[in-house]
Amino acid sequence: RTRQFRQDGCRTMQVLQEQTTGDIRD
């Protein structure tokens, strides 16, 4: 679950929740 924030002409993103399984990443 992520949230994109738009403020002062810029955007950022915050990861609110995350769960992974298997080898999705190294």
PDB file of all heavy atoms in Angstrom:
ATOM      1  N   ARG A   1       0.878  -1.168   0.000  1.00  0.00           N
ATOM      2  CA  ARG A   1       0.000   0.000   0.000  1.00  0.00           C
ATOM      3  C   ARG A   1       0.913   1.215   0.000  1.00  0.00           C
ATOM      4  O   ARG A   1       1.747   1.368   0.903  1.00  0.00           O
ATOM      5  CB  ARG A   1      -0.902  -0.011   1.244  1.00  0.00           C
ATOM      6  CG  ARG A   1      -1.916   1.137   1.326  1.00  0.00           C
ATOM      7  CD  ARG A   1      -2.630   1.095   2.668  1.00  0.00           C
ATOM      8  NE  ARG A   1      -3.677   2.102   2.796  1.00  0.00           N
ATOM      9  CZ  ARG A   1      -4.979   1.855   2.658  1.00  0.00           C
ATOM     10  NH1 ARG A   1      -5.382   0.615   2.388  1.00  0.00           N
ATOM     11  NH2 ARG A   1      -5.855   2.819   2.780  1.00  0.00           N
ATOM     12  N   THR A   2       0.783   2.042  -1.020  1.00  0.00           N
ATOM     13  CA  THR A   2       1.644   3.213  -1.138  1.00  0.00           C
ATOM     14  C   THR A   2       0.781   4.471  -1.233  1.00  0.00           C
ATOM     15  O   THR A   2      -0.382   4.422  -1.625  1.00  0.00           O
ATOM     16  CB  THR A   2       2.553   3.113  -2.376  1.00  0.00           C
ATOM     17  OG1 THR A   2       1.744   2.966  -3.550  1.00  0.00           O
ATOM     18  CG2 THR A   2       3.503   1.931  -2.258  1.00  0.00           C
ATOM     19  N   ARG A   3       1.396   5.586  -0.891  1.00  0.00           N
ATOM     20  CA  ARG A   3       0.714   6.874  -0.989  1.00  0.00           C
ATOM     21  C   ARG A   3       1.597   7.859  -1.725  1.00  0.00           C
ATOM     22  O   ARG A   3       2.750   8.088  -1.331  1.00  0.00           O
ATOM     23  CB  ARG A   3       0.392   7.428   0.403  1.00  0.00           C
ATOM     24  CG  ARG A   3      -0.301   8.803   0.406  1.00  0.00           C
ATOM     25  CD  ARG A   3      -1.728   8.715  -0.088  1.00  0.00           C
ATOM     26  NE  ARG A   3      -2.381  10.050  -0.126  1.00  0.00           N
ATOM     27  CZ  ARG A   3      -3.599  10.252  -0.625  1.00  0.00           C
ATOM     28  NH1 ARG A   3      -4.297   9.231  -1.112  1.00  0.00           N
ATOM     29  NH2 ARG A   3      -4.115  11.454  -0.649  1.00  0.00           N
ATOM     30  N   GLN A   4       1.103   8.382  -2.848  1.00  0.00           N
ATOM     31  CA  GLN A   4       1.820   9.442  -3.547  1.00  0.00           C
ATOM     32  C   GLN A   4       1.358  10.784  -3.001  1.00  0.00           C
ATOM     33  O   GLN A   4       0.167  11.021  -2.840  1.00  0.00           O
ATOM     34  CB  GLN A   4       1.566   9.385  -5.050  1.00  0.00           C
ATOM     35  CG  GLN A   4       2.194  10.561  -5.806  1.00  0.00           C
ATOM     36  CD  GLN A   4       2.125  10.412  -7.304  1.00  0.00           C
ATOM     37  OE1 GLN A   4       2.757   9.548  -7.890  1.00  0.00           O
ATOM     38  NE2 GLN A   4       1.322  11.264  -7.949  1.00  0.00           N
ATOM     39  N   PHE A   5       2.335  11.647  -2.735  1.00  0.00           N
ATOM     40  CA  PHE A   5       2.056  12.991  -2.247  1.00  0.00           C
ATOM     41  C   PHE A   5       2.486  14.004  -3.304  1.00  0.00           C
ATOM     42  O   PHE A   5       3.596  13.923  -3.833  1.00  0.00           O
ATOM     43  CB  PHE A   5       2.800  13.262  -0.933  1.00  0.00           C
ATOM     44  CG  PHE A   5       2.396  12.364   0.196  1.00  0.00           C
ATOM     45  CD1 PHE A   5       3.097  11.192   0.446  1.00  0.00           C
ATOM     46  CD2 PHE A   5       1.317  12.686   1.008  1.00  0.00           C
ATOM     47  CE1 PHE A   5       2.723  10.353   1.494  1.00  0.00           C
ATOM     48  CE2 PHE A   5       0.939  11.863   2.054  1.00  0.00           C
ATOM     49  CZ  PHE A   5       1.647  10.680   2.291  1.00  0.00           C
ATOM     50  N   ARG A   6       1.618  14.934  -3.586  1.00  0.00           N
ATOM     51  CA  ARG A   6       1.938  16.014  -4.523  1.00  0.00           C
ATOM     52  C   ARG A   6       1.905  17.328  -3.751  1.00  0.00           C
ATOM     53  O   ARG A   6       0.881  17.700  -3.170  1.00  0.00           O
ATOM     54  CB  ARG A   6       0.924  16.038  -5.658  1.00  0.00           C
ATOM     55  CG  ARG A   6       0.993  17.271  -6.543  1.00  0.00           C
ATOM     56  CD  ARG A   6       2.084  17.180  -7.587  1.00  0.00           C
ATOM     57  NE  ARG A   6       2.071  18.377  -8.441  1.00  0.00           N
ATOM     58  CZ  ARG A   6       2.761  18.501  -9.557  1.00  0.00           C
ATOM     59  NH1 ARG A   6       3.500  17.502  -9.990  1.00  0.00           N
ATOM     60  NH2 ARG A   6       2.711  19.609 -10.267  1.00  0.00           N
ATOM     61  N   GLN A   7       3.051  18.038  -3.727  1.00  0.00           N
ATOM     62  CA  GLN A   7       3.138  19.278  -2.969  1.00  0.00           C
ATOM     63  C   GLN A   7       4.198  20.177  -3.591  1.00  0.00           C
ATOM     64  O   GLN A   7       5.293  19.717  -3.947  1.00  0.00           O
ATOM     65  CB  GLN A   7       3.483  18.996  -1.508  1.00  0.00           C
ATOM     66  CG  GLN A   7       3.442  20.214  -0.605  1.00  0.00           C
ATOM     67  CD  GLN A   7       3.678  19.842   0.845  1.00  0.00           C
ATOM     68  OE1 GLN A   7       4.053  18.720   1.173  1.00  0.00           O
ATOM     69  NE2 GLN A   7       3.452  20.803   1.749  1.00  0.00           N
ATOM     70  N   ASP A   8       3.861  21.457  -3.740  1.00  0.00           N
ATOM     71  CA  ASP A   8       4.799  22.461  -4.255  1.00  0.00           C
ATOM     72  C   ASP A   8       5.396  22.049  -5.599  1.00  0.00           C
ATOM     73  O   ASP A   8       6.599  22.220  -5.855  1.00  0.00           O
ATOM     74  CB  ASP A   8       5.924  22.720  -3.249  1.00  0.00           C
ATOM     75  CG  ASP A   8       5.401  23.250  -1.924  1.00  0.00           C
ATOM     76  OD1 ASP A   8       4.386  23.969  -1.943  1.00  0.00           O
ATOM     77  OD2 ASP A   8       6.005  22.934  -0.873  1.00  0.00           O
ATOM     78  N   GLY A   9       4.553  21.458  -6.459  1.00  0.00           N
ATOM     79  CA  GLY A   9       5.008  21.104  -7.798  1.00  0.00           C
ATOM     80  C   GLY A   9       5.860  19.852  -7.875  1.00  0.00           C
ATOM     81  O   GLY A   9       6.434  19.547  -8.923  1.00  0.00           O
ATOM     82  N   CYS A  10       5.944  19.095  -6.786  1.00  0.00           N
ATOM     83  CA  CYS A  10       6.753  17.875  -6.765  1.00  0.00           C
ATOM     84  C   CYS A  10       5.919  16.716  -6.227  1.00  0.00           C
ATOM     85  O   CYS A  10       4.969  16.910  -5.475  1.00  0.00           O
ATOM     86  CB  CYS A  10       7.993  18.046  -5.888  1.00  0.00           C
ATOM     87  SG  CYS A  10       9.109  19.374  -6.420  1.00  0.00           S
ATOM     88  N   ARG A  11       6.308  15.511  -6.580  1.00  0.00           N
ATOM     89  CA  ARG A  11       5.639  14.328  -6.043  1.00  0.00           C
ATOM     90  C   ARG A  11       6.656  13.389  -5.397  1.00  0.00           C
ATOM     91  O   ARG A  11       7.795  13.253  -5.860  1.00  0.00           O
ATOM     92  CB  ARG A  11       4.858  13.586  -7.125  1.00  0.00           C
ATOM     93  CG  ARG A  11       5.667  13.061  -8.284  1.00  0.00           C
ATOM     94  CD  ARG A  11       4.758  12.406  -9.334  1.00  0.00           C
ATOM     95  NE  ARG A  11       5.485  12.067 -10.545  1.00  0.00           N
ATOM     96  CZ  ARG A  11       6.017  10.876 -10.794  1.00  0.00           C
ATOM     97  NH1 ARG A  11       5.912   9.900  -9.918  1.00  0.00           N
ATOM     98  NH2 ARG A  11       6.662  10.652 -11.929  1.00  0.00           N
ATOM     99  N   THR A  12       6.225  12.776  -4.320  1.00  0.00           N
ATOM    100  CA  THR A  12       7.015  11.764  -3.620  1.00  0.00           C
ATOM    101  C   THR A  12       6.089  10.597  -3.294  1.00  0.00           C
ATOM    102  O   THR A  12       4.866  10.704  -3.425  1.00  0.00           O
ATOM    103  CB  THR A  12       7.613  12.329  -2.317  1.00  0.00           C
ATOM    104  OG1 THR A  12       6.544  12.807  -1.482  1.00  0.00           O
ATOM    105  CG2 THR A  12       8.583  13.464  -2.598  1.00  0.00           C
ATOM    106  N   MET A  13       6.664   9.507  -2.848  1.00  0.00           N
ATOM    107  CA  MET A  13       5.856   8.337  -2.509  1.00  0.00           C
ATOM    108  C   MET A  13       6.314   7.726  -1.188  1.00  0.00           C
ATOM    109  O   MET A  13       7.511   7.648  -0.914  1.00  0.00           O
ATOM    110  CB  MET A  13       5.942   7.277  -3.616  1.00  0.00           C
ATOM    111  CG  MET A  13       4.954   6.121  -3.446  1.00  0.00           C
ATOM    112  SD  MET A  13       5.294   4.731  -4.575  1.00  0.00           S
ATOM    113  CE  MET A  13       6.663   3.924  -3.711  1.00  0.00           C
ATOM    114  N   GLN A  14       5.350   7.311  -0.391  1.00  0.00           N
ATOM    115  CA  GLN A  14       5.644   6.640   0.874  1.00  0.00           C
ATOM    116  C   GLN A  14       5.049   5.238   0.842  1.00  0.00           C
ATOM    117  O   GLN A  14       3.897   5.048   0.438  1.00  0.00           O
ATOM    118  CB  GLN A  14       5.044   7.425   2.041  1.00  0.00           C
ATOM    119  CG  GLN A  14       5.296   6.803   3.406  1.00  0.00           C
ATOM    120  CD  GLN A  14       4.677   7.617   4.534  1.00  0.00           C
ATOM    121  OE1 GLN A  14       4.122   8.689   4.309  1.00  0.00           O
ATOM    122  NE2 GLN A  14       4.766   7.105   5.748  1.00  0.00           N
ATOM    123  N   VAL A  15       5.839   4.253   1.245  1.00  0.00           N
ATOM    124  CA  VAL A  15       5.353   2.881   1.353  1.00  0.00           C
ATOM    125  C   VAL A  15       4.717   2.730   2.731  1.00  0.00           C
ATOM    126  O   VAL A  15       5.399   2.778   3.759  1.00  0.00           O
ATOM    127  CB  VAL A  15       6.489   1.855   1.179  1.00  0.00           C
ATOM    128  CG1 VAL A  15       5.943   0.437   1.328  1.00  0.00           C
ATOM    129  CG2 VAL A  15       7.158   2.025  -0.183  1.00  0.00           C
ATOM    130  N   LEU A  16       3.407   2.549   2.752  1.00  0.00           N
ATOM    131  CA  LEU A  16       2.680   2.444   4.018  1.00  0.00           C
ATOM    132  C   LEU A  16       2.696   1.022   4.563  1.00  0.00           C
ATOM    133  O   LEU A  16       2.806   0.822   5.774  1.00  0.00           O
ATOM    134  CB  LEU A  16       1.233   2.907   3.820  1.00  0.00           C
ATOM    135  CG  LEU A  16       1.055   4.315   3.239  1.00  0.00           C
ATOM    136  CD1 LEU A  16      -0.417   4.624   3.015  1.00  0.00           C
ATOM    137  CD2 LEU A  16       1.694   5.356   4.148  1.00  0.00           C
ATOM    138  N   GLN A  17       2.571   0.056   3.680  1.00  0.00           N
ATOM    139  CA  GLN A  17       2.625  -1.366   4.055  1.00  0.00           C
ATOM    140  C   GLN A  17       3.263  -2.137   2.906  1.00  0.00           C
ATOM    141  O   GLN A  17       3.077  -1.777   1.744  1.00  0.00           O
ATOM    142  CB  GLN A  17       1.225  -1.923   4.325  1.00  0.00           C
ATOM    143  CG  GLN A  17       0.476  -1.270   5.464  1.00  0.00           C
ATOM    144  CD  GLN A  17      -0.949  -1.797   5.583  1.00  0.00           C
ATOM    145  OE1 GLN A  17      -1.458  -2.482   4.705  1.00  0.00           O
ATOM    146  NE2 GLN A  17      -1.625  -1.464   6.679  1.00  0.00           N
ATOM    147  N   GLU A  18       3.983  -3.183   3.244  1.00  0.00           N
ATOM    148  CA  GLU A  18       4.555  -4.026   2.184  1.00  0.00           C
ATOM    149  C   GLU A  18       4.842  -5.424   2.723  1.00  0.00           C
ATOM    150  O   GLU A  18       5.329  -5.584   3.843  1.00  0.00           O
ATOM    151  CB  GLU A  18       5.842  -3.426   1.627  1.00  0.00           C
ATOM    152  CG  GLU A  18       6.443  -4.265   0.504  1.00  0.00           C
ATOM    153  CD  GLU A  18       7.705  -3.651  -0.074  1.00  0.00           C
ATOM    154  OE1 GLU A  18       7.570  -2.710  -0.878  1.00  0.00           O
ATOM    155  OE2 GLU A  18       8.815  -4.111   0.297  1.00  0.00           O
ATOM    156  N   GLN A  19       4.506  -6.413   1.916  1.00  0.00           N
ATOM    157  CA  GLN A  19       4.803  -7.794   2.248  1.00  0.00           C
ATOM    158  C   GLN A  19       5.253  -8.504   0.982  1.00  0.00           C
ATOM    159  O   GLN A  19       4.614  -8.382  -0.070  1.00  0.00           O
ATOM    160  CB  GLN A  19       3.579  -8.497   2.835  1.00  0.00           C
ATOM    161  CG  GLN A  19       3.837  -9.940   3.252  1.00  0.00           C
ATOM    162  CD  GLN A  19       2.611 -10.580   3.885  1.00  0.00           C
ATOM    163  OE1 GLN A  19       1.522 -10.002   3.888  1.00  0.00           O
ATOM    164  NE2 GLN A  19       2.781 -11.780   4.431  1.00  0.00           N
ATOM    165  N   THR A  20       6.349  -9.245   1.072  1.00  0.00           N
ATOM    166  CA  THR A  20       6.853  -9.983  -0.083  1.00  0.00           C
ATOM    167  C   THR A  20       7.040 -11.452   0.274  1.00  0.00           C
ATOM    168  O   THR A  20       7.233 -11.794   1.447  1.00  0.00           O
ATOM    169  CB  THR A  20       8.201  -9.414  -0.574  1.00  0.00           C
ATOM    170  OG1 THR A  20       9.184  -9.566   0.469  1.00  0.00           O
ATOM    171  CG2 THR A  20       8.066  -7.945  -0.951  1.00  0.00           C
ATOM    172  N   THR A  21       6.977 -12.297  -0.733  1.00  0.00           N
ATOM    173  CA  THR A  21       7.257 -13.720  -0.558  1.00  0.00           C
ATOM    174  C   THR A  21       8.124 -14.201  -1.714  1.00  0.00           C
ATOM    175  O   THR A  21       8.205 -13.548  -2.760  1.00  0.00           O
ATOM    176  CB  THR A  21       5.958 -14.563  -0.531  1.00  0.00           C
ATOM    177  OG1 THR A  21       5.313 -14.477  -1.809  1.00  0.00           O
ATOM    178  CG2 THR A  21       5.008 -14.066   0.557  1.00  0.00           C
ATOM    179  N   GLY A  22       8.769 -15.340  -1.511  1.00  0.00           N
ATOM    180  CA  GLY A  22       9.579 -15.920  -2.569  1.00  0.00           C
ATOM    181  C   GLY A  22      10.776 -15.061  -2.916  1.00  0.00           C
ATOM    182  O   GLY A  22      11.298 -14.316  -2.088  1.00  0.00           O
ATOM    183  N   ASP A  23      11.184 -15.131  -4.174  1.00  0.00           N
ATOM    184  CA  ASP A  23      12.387 -14.423  -4.606  1.00  0.00           C
ATOM    185  C   ASP A  23      12.046 -13.197  -5.450  1.00  0.00           C
ATOM    186  O   ASP A  23      12.701 -12.920  -6.448  1.00  0.00           O
ATOM    187  CB  ASP A  23      13.300 -15.361  -5.401  1.00  0.00           C
ATOM    188  CG  ASP A  23      12.625 -15.905  -6.664  1.00  0.00           C
ATOM    189  OD1 ASP A  23      11.379 -15.793  -6.781  1.00  0.00           O
ATOM    190  OD2 ASP A  23      13.338 -16.434  -7.536  1.00  0.00           O
ATOM    191  N   ILE A  24      11.012 -12.468  -5.040  1.00  0.00           N
ATOM    192  CA  ILE A  24      10.616 -11.287  -5.805  1.00  0.00           C
ATOM    193  C   ILE A  24      11.774 -10.288  -5.896  1.00  0.00           C
ATOM    194  O   ILE A  24      11.934  -9.580  -6.892  1.00  0.00           O
ATOM    195  CB  ILE A  24       9.357 -10.631  -5.192  1.00  0.00           C
ATOM    196  CG1 ILE A  24       8.729  -9.642  -6.174  1.00  0.00           C
ATOM    197  CG2 ILE A  24       9.674  -9.973  -3.861  1.00  0.00           C
ATOM    198  CD1 ILE A  24       7.972 -10.283  -7.295  1.00  0.00           C
ATOM    199  N   ARG A  25      12.601 -10.227  -4.828  1.00  0.00           N
ATOM    200  CA  ARG A  25      13.808  -9.404  -4.832  1.00  0.00           C
ATOM    201  C   ARG A  25      15.012 -10.266  -4.468  1.00  0.00           C
ATOM    202  O   ARG A  25      14.878 -11.306  -3.820  1.00  0.00           O
ATOM    203  CB  ARG A  25      13.698  -8.255  -3.818  1.00  0.00           C
ATOM    204  CG  ARG A  25      12.709  -7.156  -4.159  1.00  0.00           C
ATOM    205  CD  ARG A  25      12.952  -5.968  -3.231  1.00  0.00           C
ATOM    206  NE  ARG A  25      12.031  -4.862  -3.466  1.00  0.00           N
ATOM    207  CZ  ARG A  25      10.965  -4.594  -2.728  1.00  0.00           C
ATOM    208  NH1 ARG A  25      10.668  -5.393  -1.692  1.00  0.00           N
ATOM    209  NH2 ARG A  25      10.188  -3.565  -2.991  1.00  0.00           N
ATOM    210  N   ASP A  26      16.204  -9.791  -4.851  1.00  0.00           N
ATOM    211  CA  ASP A  26      17.417 -10.494  -4.452  1.00  0.00           C
ATOM    212  C   ASP A  26      17.913  -9.926  -3.119  1.00  0.00           C
ATOM    213  O   ASP A  26      17.275  -9.069  -2.513  1.00  0.00           O
ATOM    214  CB  ASP A  26      18.495 -10.416  -5.540  1.00  0.00           C
ATOM    215  CG  ASP A  26      18.930  -8.980  -5.838  1.00  0.00           C
ATOM    216  OD1 ASP A  26      18.744  -8.095  -4.972  1.00  0.00           O
ATOM    217  OD2 ASP A  26      19.465  -8.741  -6.930  1.00  0.00           O
TER     218      ASP A  26
END
